Amino acid sequence: MTDGGLPPGLWLIGLGPGNLGLMTADAIEHARACDFRFLEGYTATLPENQEGQLEGLVGGWKKAMRPMVEDPTEILSLANENSVALLVVGDPMQATTHVDLESHCAEQGINFTVIPGLSATSLAVSLSGLQSYRFGRQVTLPFAYGEYLPTSPLEMIDSNYTNNLHTLVLLDLDPTGMGVEKPQPMQPKQVVEILQAMFEKLVEHEGGVRESMTTAITNWNAILLSDLGTSDQRVVSGDLEDLAKLADGRIHCLILPAEFTGLERDAYERRRHQA
C-alpha cells in the first residue's frame, strides 16, 4: 500500500463476527484506503451500535443488499477504475455469493483481493467445548418460503449424526428470501418449529421414521450460541425444548451434537441452561 491508496479493484474485507474491535489492523487499513466502501447487509449483519461506529473507523459507506451484490454491475463498474471495498461481516468467502464475485472479476480483468476476518463459524466450534475434528458438514436452516420447505437440511444433520459427527447449524436471516429488507434473524423457537415441520414432511415422504430419529426432536441435545463476538455473547446447552424458550439475543446459531467422547460431555454440562 502506498500514500496514494490502493490500485483499482474489488477488495472483500472481513469485519469479524459482530464487534468491530475484532476487525484486524490489516482489514481496517485496507478499508480506509479504498475509494468507495459498501457494507454487505444480507448474508450477515452488524449490531446497530457497531454499524453506527463503522464510518468513524474506516470512512463513509453505503449499504449493499442482495440485488446489488448478485448483480454487481455498479460495484464492478466502480472497481474497474477505483479501489472498492465490500465490507462483509465475518469472513468474506464463507458465502457462495462472494465466491461468485471472484469469477465476475476474473472475467472482466478486475483485480480481486480478499482480506479475511474472524468468522462466527470458527468461534462457534471453539466456544462449544466440542472437538473441532468431530464436526461434519455445516448446515443452513432456511425459513419456509410459501409452501416450499426442503428436508435436505434435516437429512444432512441426520447424515452427520449417523456418522457420529456434530453439526453446526446456521440460521436463516430473511423470511422473505429476497435479501432486500432488513434481516429478521431466525429465533430459537422458530428453529424447533421448522425442524419439526421438516421431520413430519420427511416421515410422510419416506413412509416412516428413520431409526436415527426415534427420539423426539424437542428432546435432542443442542448448544445455542447467540451474538458471537459481541458483548452480548452467550453459549448455553440443553434440549431443544428448553432452548426454544429463550427469547433474547439477536443472531443465533446451533450445534446438534453426536455422541460425546472424552471430555465433551463435561463441557456440554458446564454450559447447560438453568431455567
Protein backbone atom coordinates (compact mmCIF):
# COMPACT_ATOMS: atom_id res chain seq x y z
CA MET A 1 0.00 0.00 0.00
CA THR A 2 1.27 3.49 -0.81
CA ASP A 3 0.39 7.04 0.26
CA GLY A 4 -1.72 7.23 -2.88
CA GLY A 5 -4.04 4.48 -1.64
CA LEU A 6 -4.90 1.22 -3.33
CA PRO A 7 -4.93 0.39 -7.04
CA PRO A 8 -8.28 -0.16 -8.80
CA GLY A 9 -10.05 -3.38 -7.94
CA LEU A 10 -12.53 -5.06 -5.62
CA TRP A 11 -11.45 -5.73 -2.05
CA LEU A 12 -13.54 -8.15 0.02
CA ILE A 13 -12.82 -7.20 3.60
CA GLY A 14 -13.87 -9.22 6.64
CA LEU A 15 -15.19 -7.22 9.59
CA GLY A 16 -15.21 -10.07 12.08
CA PRO A 17 -18.35 -11.55 13.62
CA GLY A 18 -20.04 -8.57 15.23
CA ASN A 19 -17.72 -6.37 17.26
CA LEU A 20 -15.52 -4.02 15.26
CA GLY A 21 -12.88 -4.49 17.94
CA LEU A 22 -12.28 -7.92 16.37
CA MET A 23 -11.55 -6.40 12.94
CA THR A 24 -7.89 -6.91 12.05
CA ALA A 25 -5.49 -4.00 11.64
CA ASP A 26 -4.93 -5.13 8.04
CA ALA A 27 -8.67 -5.01 7.33
CA ILE A 28 -9.02 -1.51 8.85
CA GLU A 29 -6.04 -0.19 6.88
CA HIS A 30 -7.31 -1.52 3.56
CA ALA A 31 -10.91 -0.38 4.17
CA ARG A 32 -9.72 3.14 4.94
CA ALA A 33 -7.55 3.21 1.82
CA CYS A 34 -10.35 2.30 -0.61
CA ASP A 35 -12.05 4.99 -2.68
CA PHE A 36 -15.54 3.51 -2.16
CA ARG A 37 -16.96 1.28 0.59
CA PHE A 38 -20.10 -0.88 0.62
CA LEU A 39 -21.38 -2.83 3.63
CA GLU A 40 -22.96 -6.11 2.54
CA GLY A 41 -26.13 -6.36 4.60
CA TYR A 42 -27.96 -9.59 3.85
CA THR A 43 -25.73 -12.65 4.45
CA ALA A 44 -24.85 -11.33 7.93
CA THR A 45 -25.35 -8.11 9.88
CA LEU A 46 -23.59 -5.88 12.36
CA PRO A 47 -25.35 -4.84 15.58
CA GLU A 48 -26.79 -1.33 15.16
CA ASN A 49 -24.35 0.23 17.60
CA GLN A 50 -21.40 -1.24 15.67
CA GLU A 51 -22.84 -0.20 12.33
CA GLY A 52 -23.03 3.34 13.69
CA GLN A 53 -19.33 3.25 14.57
CA LEU A 54 -18.17 1.91 11.22
CA GLU A 55 -17.85 5.27 9.45
CA GLY A 56 -15.64 6.65 12.21
CA LEU A 57 -13.37 3.62 11.88
CA VAL A 58 -12.99 3.25 8.10
CA GLY A 59 -14.81 6.16 6.43
CA GLY A 60 -18.14 6.65 4.68
CA TRP A 61 -20.03 3.69 3.25
CA LYS A 62 -23.27 2.62 1.58
CA LYS A 63 -25.40 -0.49 2.22
CA ALA A 64 -25.37 -3.22 -0.43
CA MET A 65 -28.22 -5.73 -0.29
CA ARG A 66 -28.72 -8.92 -2.27
CA PRO A 67 -29.70 -7.46 -5.70
CA MET A 68 -26.65 -5.18 -5.76
CA VAL A 69 -24.25 -8.00 -4.82
CA GLU A 70 -25.71 -10.75 -7.01
CA ASP A 71 -25.92 -8.35 -9.98
CA PRO A 72 -22.70 -6.43 -9.21
CA THR A 73 -22.72 -4.19 -12.30
CA GLU A 74 -22.49 -0.97 -10.29
CA ILE A 75 -19.80 -2.25 -7.93
CA LEU A 76 -17.66 -3.72 -10.71
CA SER A 77 -18.02 -0.61 -12.85
CA LEU A 78 -16.56 1.40 -9.99
CA ALA A 79 -13.89 -1.22 -9.32
CA ASN A 80 -12.68 -1.04 -12.90
CA GLU A 81 -11.23 2.42 -12.22
CA ASN A 82 -11.29 2.77 -8.41
CA SER A 83 -10.49 0.77 -5.31
CA VAL A 84 -13.78 -0.56 -3.94
CA ALA A 85 -14.27 -2.29 -0.59
CA LEU A 86 -17.12 -4.72 0.00
CA LEU A 87 -17.24 -4.97 3.78
CA VAL A 88 -18.55 -8.35 4.93
CA VAL A 89 -19.47 -9.35 8.48
CA GLY A 90 -17.39 -12.37 9.45
CA ASP A 91 -15.12 -13.95 6.84
CA PRO A 92 -15.83 -12.80 3.26
CA MET A 93 -15.57 -16.07 1.35
CA GLN A 94 -17.94 -18.09 3.55
CA ALA A 95 -20.89 -17.25 1.27
CA THR A 96 -21.30 -18.58 -2.29
CA THR A 97 -22.36 -15.12 -3.41
CA HIS A 98 -18.95 -13.72 -2.54
CA VAL A 99 -17.14 -16.57 -4.28
CA ASP A 100 -19.15 -15.70 -7.39
CA LEU A 101 -17.80 -12.14 -7.28
CA GLU A 102 -14.30 -13.50 -7.83
CA SER A 103 -15.50 -15.14 -11.05
CA HIS A 104 -17.03 -11.86 -12.28
CA CYS A 105 -13.78 -10.02 -11.57
CA ALA A 106 -11.72 -12.67 -13.36
CA GLU A 107 -13.95 -12.45 -16.44
CA GLN A 108 -13.65 -8.66 -16.56
CA GLY A 109 -9.96 -8.40 -15.69
CA ILE A 110 -10.62 -6.60 -12.41
CA ASN A 111 -8.20 -7.02 -9.53
CA PHE A 112 -9.77 -9.08 -6.72
CA THR A 113 -8.34 -9.31 -3.20
CA VAL A 114 -9.62 -10.90 0.00
CA ILE A 115 -8.77 -9.62 3.47
CA PRO A 116 -10.01 -12.41 5.78
CA GLY A 117 -11.90 -11.86 9.01
CA LEU A 118 -12.71 -13.95 12.04
CA SER A 119 -15.92 -15.89 11.38
CA ALA A 120 -18.74 -16.81 13.73
CA THR A 121 -18.47 -20.40 12.50
CA SER A 122 -14.95 -20.80 13.85
CA LEU A 123 -15.95 -19.06 17.08
CA ALA A 124 -18.92 -21.39 17.49
CA VAL A 125 -16.79 -24.52 17.31
CA SER A 126 -14.19 -23.10 19.71
CA LEU A 127 -16.74 -21.90 22.27
CA SER A 128 -18.82 -25.09 22.21
CA GLY A 129 -16.18 -27.11 24.06
CA LEU A 130 -16.56 -29.87 21.46
CA GLN A 131 -13.67 -31.23 19.42
CA SER A 132 -13.27 -29.44 16.07
CA TYR A 133 -12.27 -32.62 14.20
CA ARG A 134 -15.61 -34.22 15.08
CA PHE A 135 -17.75 -31.78 13.10
CA GLY A 136 -19.38 -32.88 9.87
CA ARG A 137 -20.87 -30.84 7.06
CA GLN A 138 -22.17 -27.41 8.07
CA VAL A 139 -25.91 -26.89 7.52
CA THR A 140 -28.04 -23.79 6.92
CA LEU A 141 -31.61 -23.93 8.22
CA PRO A 142 -33.92 -21.88 5.97
CA PHE A 143 -37.30 -20.36 6.57
CA ALA A 144 -40.19 -21.91 4.65
CA TYR A 145 -41.00 -19.87 1.55
CA GLY A 146 -44.72 -20.23 0.99
CA GLU A 147 -45.42 -23.94 0.69
CA TYR A 148 -41.79 -24.77 -0.01
CA LEU A 149 -39.78 -26.29 2.83
CA PRO A 150 -36.82 -28.50 1.88
CA THR A 151 -35.97 -31.52 4.05
CA SER A 152 -32.34 -31.63 2.89
CA PRO A 153 -31.04 -29.70 5.96
CA LEU A 154 -32.53 -32.30 8.31
CA GLU A 155 -31.20 -35.11 6.10
CA MET A 156 -27.68 -33.62 6.30
CA ILE A 157 -27.98 -33.31 10.09
CA ASP A 158 -29.04 -36.96 10.21
CA SER A 159 -26.15 -37.99 7.93
CA ASN A 160 -23.67 -36.29 10.25
CA TYR A 161 -25.27 -37.90 13.30
CA THR A 162 -25.23 -41.40 11.85
CA ASN A 163 -21.52 -40.89 11.13
CA ASN A 164 -21.04 -39.75 14.76
CA LEU A 165 -20.28 -36.17 13.73
CA HIS A 166 -21.54 -32.96 15.31
CA THR A 167 -23.48 -30.45 13.16
CA LEU A 168 -23.11 -26.69 13.17
CA VAL A 169 -26.44 -25.22 12.05
CA LEU A 170 -26.52 -21.67 10.70
CA LEU A 171 -29.90 -19.96 10.86
CA ASP A 172 -31.57 -18.03 8.06
CA LEU A 173 -31.78 -14.25 8.39
CA ASP A 174 -34.51 -13.43 5.90
CA PRO A 175 -38.07 -14.85 5.99
CA THR A 176 -38.79 -13.32 2.55
CA GLY A 177 -35.82 -14.92 0.81
CA MET A 178 -35.34 -11.73 -1.21
CA GLY A 179 -32.37 -10.22 0.65
CA VAL A 180 -33.74 -6.70 0.26
CA GLU A 181 -35.41 -5.82 3.55
CA LYS A 182 -33.76 -5.51 6.94
CA PRO A 183 -32.89 -9.06 8.09
CA GLN A 184 -35.12 -10.72 10.70
CA PRO A 185 -32.91 -13.49 12.11
CA MET A 186 -34.47 -16.85 12.94
CA GLN A 187 -35.14 -17.29 16.66
CA PRO A 188 -34.75 -20.48 18.75
CA LYS A 189 -38.49 -21.15 18.88
CA GLN A 190 -38.68 -21.00 15.09
CA VAL A 191 -35.76 -23.43 14.80
CA VAL A 192 -37.69 -26.15 16.62
CA GLU A 193 -40.88 -25.46 14.65
CA ILE A 194 -39.02 -25.69 11.33
CA LEU A 195 -37.11 -28.84 12.28
CA GLN A 196 -40.38 -30.45 13.39
CA ALA A 197 -42.07 -29.49 10.09
CA MET A 198 -39.11 -30.96 8.16
CA PHE A 199 -39.32 -34.14 10.25
CA GLU A 200 -43.03 -34.59 9.54
CA LYS A 201 -42.50 -33.96 5.83
CA LEU A 202 -39.62 -36.44 5.71
CA VAL A 203 -41.67 -39.12 7.50
CA GLU A 204 -44.52 -38.59 5.03
CA HIS A 205 -42.12 -38.85 2.08
CA GLU A 206 -40.26 -41.93 3.35
CA GLY A 207 -43.28 -43.68 4.85
CA GLY A 208 -41.81 -43.98 8.33
CA VAL A 209 -39.42 -42.65 10.94
CA ARG A 210 -35.69 -43.16 10.47
CA GLU A 211 -34.12 -45.28 13.19
CA SER A 212 -31.69 -42.46 13.99
CA MET A 213 -34.61 -40.06 14.64
CA THR A 214 -36.73 -42.10 17.04
CA THR A 215 -36.10 -39.58 19.85
CA ALA A 216 -38.45 -36.60 19.65
CA ILE A 217 -36.81 -33.52 18.14
CA THR A 218 -37.67 -31.45 21.22
CA ASN A 219 -35.51 -33.81 23.28
CA TRP A 220 -32.41 -33.51 21.12
CA ASN A 221 -29.27 -32.24 22.82
CA ALA A 222 -28.19 -28.88 21.47
CA ILE A 223 -25.91 -25.92 22.09
CA LEU A 224 -27.31 -22.47 21.34
CA LEU A 225 -24.74 -19.78 20.54
CA SER A 226 -26.01 -16.21 20.43
CA ASP A 227 -24.48 -12.91 19.29
CA LEU A 228 -20.99 -14.35 18.95
CA GLY A 229 -18.15 -11.87 19.03
CA THR A 230 -20.22 -9.19 20.80
CA SER A 231 -20.60 -8.06 24.40
CA ASP A 232 -23.93 -9.96 24.48
CA GLN A 233 -22.34 -13.29 23.53
CA ARG A 234 -23.96 -16.33 25.18
CA VAL A 235 -23.37 -20.07 24.87
CA VAL A 236 -25.88 -22.43 26.53
CA SER A 237 -26.64 -26.13 26.22
CA GLY A 238 -29.80 -28.12 26.86
CA ASP A 239 -32.51 -29.95 24.98
CA LEU A 240 -34.21 -28.13 22.13
CA GLU A 241 -37.47 -27.78 24.04
CA ASP A 242 -35.75 -25.72 26.74
CA LEU A 243 -33.59 -23.71 24.37
CA ALA A 244 -36.66 -22.82 22.29
CA LYS A 245 -37.96 -20.83 25.26
CA LEU A 246 -35.02 -18.41 25.17
CA ALA A 247 -36.29 -15.21 23.58
CA ASP A 248 -33.40 -12.79 23.99
CA GLY A 249 -30.47 -12.41 21.63
CA ARG A 250 -30.18 -11.08 18.10
CA ILE A 251 -28.41 -13.63 15.90
CA HIS A 252 -28.10 -17.29 16.83
CA CYS A 253 -26.54 -20.49 15.55
CA LEU A 254 -26.95 -24.01 16.85
CA ILE A 255 -24.83 -27.10 17.37
CA LEU A 256 -26.50 -30.51 17.33
CA PRO A 257 -24.00 -32.95 18.87
CA ALA A 258 -23.47 -36.58 18.02
CA GLU A 259 -22.36 -38.97 20.79
CA PHE A 260 -19.96 -37.25 23.17
CA THR A 261 -16.42 -38.55 23.54
CA GLY A 262 -13.64 -37.79 26.01
CA LEU A 263 -14.29 -34.55 27.89
CA GLU A 264 -17.09 -33.35 25.58
CA ARG A 265 -19.91 -34.42 27.92
CA ASP A 266 -18.37 -32.40 30.77
CA ALA A 267 -18.05 -29.35 28.51
CA TYR A 268 -21.68 -29.73 27.44
CA GLU A 269 -22.89 -29.96 31.05
CA ARG A 270 -20.90 -26.88 32.11
CA ARG A 271 -22.82 -24.88 29.51
CA ARG A 272 -26.23 -26.23 30.47
CA HIS A 273 -29.02 -23.65 30.61
CA GLN A 274 -30.52 -23.08 34.04
CA ALA A 275 -34.23 -22.30 33.80
